[in-house]
Protein backbone atom coordinates (compact mmCIF):
# COMPACT_ATOMS: atom_id res chain seq x y z
CA MET A 1 5.08 -175.62 -85.48
CA PHE A 2 2.13 -176.20 -87.82
CA GLU A 3 -0.29 -176.85 -84.95
CA ARG A 4 0.98 -173.94 -82.86
CA THR A 5 0.78 -171.55 -85.81
CA VAL A 6 -2.74 -172.62 -86.73
CA ARG A 7 -3.87 -172.20 -83.13
CA LEU A 8 -2.54 -168.64 -83.09
CA LEU A 9 -4.38 -167.83 -86.30
CA LEU A 10 -7.63 -169.34 -85.03
CA GLU A 11 -7.33 -167.22 -81.88
CA GLY A 12 -7.36 -164.13 -84.07
CA THR A 13 -3.68 -163.40 -83.49
CA PHE A 14 -1.67 -161.33 -85.95
CA VAL A 15 1.47 -163.40 -86.46
CA CYS A 16 4.45 -161.10 -87.02
CA GLU A 17 8.21 -161.26 -86.59
CA ILE A 18 8.07 -159.13 -83.43
CA THR A 19 5.56 -161.17 -81.43
CA HIS A 20 5.85 -164.70 -82.86
CA ARG A 21 9.18 -164.98 -84.65
CA GLU A 22 9.15 -168.76 -85.16
CA ALA A 23 5.55 -168.90 -86.40
CA PHE A 24 6.20 -165.95 -88.71
CA SER A 25 9.27 -167.65 -90.12
CA PHE A 26 7.24 -170.84 -90.59
CA LEU A 27 4.57 -168.95 -92.55
CA ASN A 28 7.17 -167.22 -94.71
CA ASN A 29 7.78 -170.59 -96.36
CA PRO A 30 5.42 -170.89 -99.39
CA ALA A 31 4.94 -174.63 -98.79
CA ASN A 32 3.91 -174.01 -95.19
CA GLN A 33 1.60 -171.19 -96.29
CA GLN A 34 -0.14 -173.62 -98.63
CA SER A 35 -0.53 -176.33 -95.99
CA VAL A 36 -1.94 -173.85 -93.46
CA ASN A 37 -4.24 -172.32 -96.05
CA ASP A 38 -5.49 -175.78 -97.09
CA TYR A 39 -6.31 -176.57 -93.46
CA LEU A 40 -8.05 -173.26 -92.84
CA GLY A 41 -10.01 -173.66 -96.06
CA LYS A 42 -11.73 -176.74 -94.66
CA ILE A 43 -13.36 -174.57 -91.99
CA GLY A 44 -14.23 -171.60 -94.19
CA LEU A 45 -11.11 -169.54 -93.51
CA LYS A 46 -8.05 -168.47 -95.45
CA LEU A 47 -4.53 -167.33 -94.64
CA SER A 48 -4.18 -163.59 -95.29
CA ARG A 49 -1.28 -161.18 -95.06
CA THR A 50 -1.03 -157.41 -94.67
CA GLN A 51 -0.12 -155.53 -97.84
CA HIS A 52 3.44 -154.85 -96.69
CA GLY A 53 3.90 -158.43 -95.52
CA GLY A 54 4.50 -157.64 -91.86
CA ALA A 55 1.80 -159.90 -90.40
CA PHE A 56 -0.29 -162.99 -91.21
CA PHE A 57 -3.85 -163.49 -90.00
CA ALA A 58 -6.89 -165.70 -90.65
CA ALA A 59 -9.87 -164.30 -92.53
CA HIS A 60 -13.26 -165.62 -93.62
CA ILE A 61 -13.58 -166.86 -97.19
CA GLU A 62 -17.34 -166.42 -97.54
CA THR A 63 -18.99 -163.06 -96.86
CA GLY A 64 -22.63 -163.97 -96.30
CA GLY A 65 -24.59 -164.76 -93.13
CA PRO A 66 -22.43 -165.12 -90.00
CA GLU A 67 -19.29 -164.07 -91.88
CA LYS A 68 -20.89 -160.79 -92.94
CA LYS A 69 -21.94 -160.12 -89.35
CA ALA A 70 -18.42 -160.93 -88.12
CA ALA A 71 -16.92 -158.54 -90.68
CA LYS A 72 -19.24 -155.76 -89.53
CA GLU A 73 -18.35 -156.32 -85.87
CA VAL A 74 -14.62 -156.28 -86.62
CA PHE A 75 -14.93 -153.12 -88.69
CA ILE A 76 -16.91 -151.33 -85.99
CA LYS A 77 -14.25 -152.35 -83.43
CA ILE A 78 -11.52 -150.98 -85.69
CA LYS A 79 -13.34 -147.66 -86.05
CA HIS A 80 -13.60 -147.39 -82.26
CA GLU A 81 -9.90 -148.15 -81.84
CA LEU A 82 -8.71 -145.75 -84.51
CA ARG A 83 -9.05 -142.43 -82.74
CA PRO A 84 -6.97 -143.26 -79.62
CA LEU A 85 -4.46 -145.28 -81.65
CA VAL A 86 -3.92 -142.51 -84.19
CA ALA A 87 -3.56 -139.99 -81.35
CA PHE A 88 -0.98 -142.27 -79.72
CA LEU A 89 1.02 -142.69 -82.94
CA GLU A 90 0.97 -138.95 -83.57
CA LEU A 91 2.24 -138.28 -80.04
CA VAL A 92 5.06 -140.82 -80.41
CA MET A 93 6.03 -139.30 -83.78
CA ARG A 94 6.16 -135.79 -82.33
CA VAL A 95 8.15 -136.86 -79.28
CA SER A 96 10.53 -138.94 -81.42
CA GLN A 97 10.73 -136.19 -84.06
CA LYS A 98 9.95 -138.84 -86.65
CA ASP A 99 8.46 -137.73 -89.97
CA ASP A 100 7.84 -141.16 -91.51
CA VAL A 101 4.93 -143.41 -90.66
CA ILE A 102 5.65 -145.67 -87.69
CA CYS A 103 6.04 -149.25 -88.91
CA ALA A 104 6.50 -152.72 -87.42
CA GLY A 105 9.65 -152.99 -85.34
CA PHE A 106 9.72 -149.32 -84.30
CA VAL A 107 11.19 -149.07 -80.78
CA ILE A 108 9.51 -147.08 -78.02
CA GLU A 109 11.76 -146.36 -75.05
CA THR A 110 9.42 -145.27 -72.27
CA ALA A 111 11.99 -143.42 -70.14
CA SER A 112 13.37 -141.45 -73.09
CA LEU A 113 9.94 -140.43 -74.35
CA MET A 114 8.82 -139.38 -70.86
CA LEU A 115 11.84 -137.10 -70.49
CA SER A 116 10.78 -135.26 -73.64
CA ILE A 117 7.13 -135.12 -72.57
CA ASP A 118 7.96 -133.85 -69.08
CA SER A 119 10.02 -130.98 -70.50
CA ASN A 120 7.41 -129.83 -73.01
CA PRO A 121 4.04 -128.41 -71.82
CA THR A 122 2.47 -128.98 -75.25
CA LEU A 123 3.42 -132.65 -75.24
CA ARG A 124 2.11 -133.00 -71.70
CA ASN A 125 -1.23 -131.59 -72.84
CA ASP A 126 -1.21 -133.99 -75.78
CA LEU A 127 -0.63 -136.88 -73.39
CA GLN A 128 -3.53 -135.72 -71.22
CA SER A 129 -5.80 -135.57 -74.28
CA LEU A 130 -4.69 -139.05 -75.30
CA ALA A 131 -5.29 -140.37 -71.78
CA ASN A 132 -8.84 -139.01 -71.92
CA LEU A 133 -9.47 -141.17 -75.00
CA VAL A 134 -8.28 -144.29 -73.23
CA LYS A 135 -10.68 -145.84 -70.74
CA GLY A 136 -9.61 -146.57 -67.20
CA GLN A 137 -7.54 -143.42 -66.69
CA ALA A 138 -7.67 -141.90 -63.21
CA ALA A 139 -8.13 -138.14 -63.18
CA ASP A 140 -5.35 -137.66 -60.62
CA SER A 141 -2.82 -139.95 -62.33
CA SER A 142 0.73 -138.73 -62.93
CA ASP A 143 1.92 -138.26 -66.50
CA ARG A 144 4.06 -141.40 -66.20
CA ALA A 145 1.09 -143.42 -64.93
CA ARG A 146 -1.04 -142.12 -67.79
CA PHE A 147 1.58 -143.03 -70.35
CA ASN A 148 2.07 -146.50 -68.84
CA LYS A 149 -1.67 -147.18 -69.01
CA VAL A 150 -1.76 -146.04 -72.63
CA LEU A 151 1.15 -148.34 -73.48
CA ASN A 152 -0.52 -151.25 -71.69
CA ARG A 153 -3.76 -150.59 -73.55
CA PHE A 154 -2.10 -150.92 -76.95
CA LYS A 155 0.03 -153.84 -75.76
CA ASP A 156 -3.14 -155.68 -74.74
CA GLU A 157 -4.70 -154.91 -78.13
CA GLY A 158 -1.68 -156.37 -79.92
CA TYR A 159 -0.18 -153.20 -81.38
CA LEU A 160 2.81 -153.15 -79.02
CA PHE A 161 5.14 -155.85 -77.72
CA LEU A 162 7.05 -155.46 -74.45
CA ALA A 163 10.55 -156.32 -75.67
CA ASN A 164 12.34 -155.48 -72.40
CA SER A 165 10.25 -155.26 -69.23
CA GLU A 166 13.14 -154.08 -67.05
CA ARG A 167 13.92 -151.08 -69.28
CA GLU A 168 10.28 -150.65 -70.38
CA ILE A 169 11.10 -150.89 -74.06
CA TYR A 170 8.29 -151.67 -76.48
CA GLN A 171 8.23 -152.54 -80.17
CA VAL A 172 5.42 -151.84 -82.61
CA THR A 173 4.01 -155.10 -84.02
CA GLY A 174 2.98 -156.09 -87.52
CA LYS A 175 -0.66 -155.53 -86.59
CA ILE A 176 0.00 -151.83 -87.15
CA GLU A 177 0.02 -152.53 -90.89
CA PHE A 178 -3.53 -153.85 -90.71
CA ILE A 179 -4.77 -150.75 -88.92
CA MET A 180 -2.91 -148.47 -91.36
CA GLU A 181 -4.73 -150.21 -94.20
CA ALA A 182 -8.00 -149.59 -92.35
CA ILE A 183 -7.10 -145.89 -91.96
CA ALA A 184 -6.36 -145.67 -95.68
CA PHE A 185 -9.69 -147.32 -96.45
CA LEU A 186 -11.61 -144.94 -94.19
CA SER A 187 -9.83 -141.95 -95.70
CA GLU A 188 -10.83 -143.10 -99.18
CA HIS A 189 -14.43 -143.90 -98.23
CA GLU A 190 -15.08 -141.36 -95.47
CA LYS A 191 -18.43 -140.28 -96.94
CA ILE A 192 -19.99 -143.72 -97.41
CA GLY A 193 -22.28 -145.47 -94.94
CA LEU A 194 -21.46 -148.43 -92.73
CA ASP A 195 -23.36 -150.87 -94.95
CA ASP A 196 -21.21 -149.81 -97.92
CA GLU A 197 -18.07 -150.03 -95.81
CA GLU A 198 -19.10 -153.47 -94.65
CA THR A 199 -19.63 -154.61 -98.23
CA GLU A 200 -16.17 -153.38 -99.21
CA VAL A 201 -14.48 -155.02 -96.24
CA THR A 202 -16.22 -158.36 -96.70
CA SER A 203 -15.35 -158.39 -100.37
CA GLN A 204 -11.71 -158.57 -99.28
CA GLY A 205 -12.32 -161.28 -96.69
CA SER A 206 -13.14 -160.45 -93.10
CA LEU A 207 -10.84 -160.92 -90.14
CA LEU A 208 -11.76 -163.53 -87.56
């Protein structure tokens, strides 16, 4: 399990209970955390965890040279992902009539959500707007096709896990905690430049 877990971390995977239950359980053991962290430390990395503990990931220890460049690239990618992801989460919250922030483990039942969207013109417009933010959408797609492509987009990016392919049921993964922390950071520092943002991010250790 040690080797498999380390490989996942080195691939840039967010290890959470939803997507990698065994590896997540392995990392929940303090002794295993230490052994993994010791190994990663030999190659300039460290084992990190989201603030709410929902996911583990590997981050750079040093923040100069290549590490600083890597941090900047990751942060830019996050900023590009934020707008469609936030729009998606807001749509799911409205359709689900959920007031709290969506967290790891939240279940998305495609058929149920589509019934609500199909019966509400406002939600259909919201879905169209969301689809326009997601690349690869065909202009003449049906609402169901649009929604499926949106779900696949965020599944591919690691924010969703297809828990039941036959019933098209997804679960939100622990990676959502990482992006929520990024949103909180951007909200707090919305007026600062990218160089300042980069400095702040690298001071915390950059993601692989």
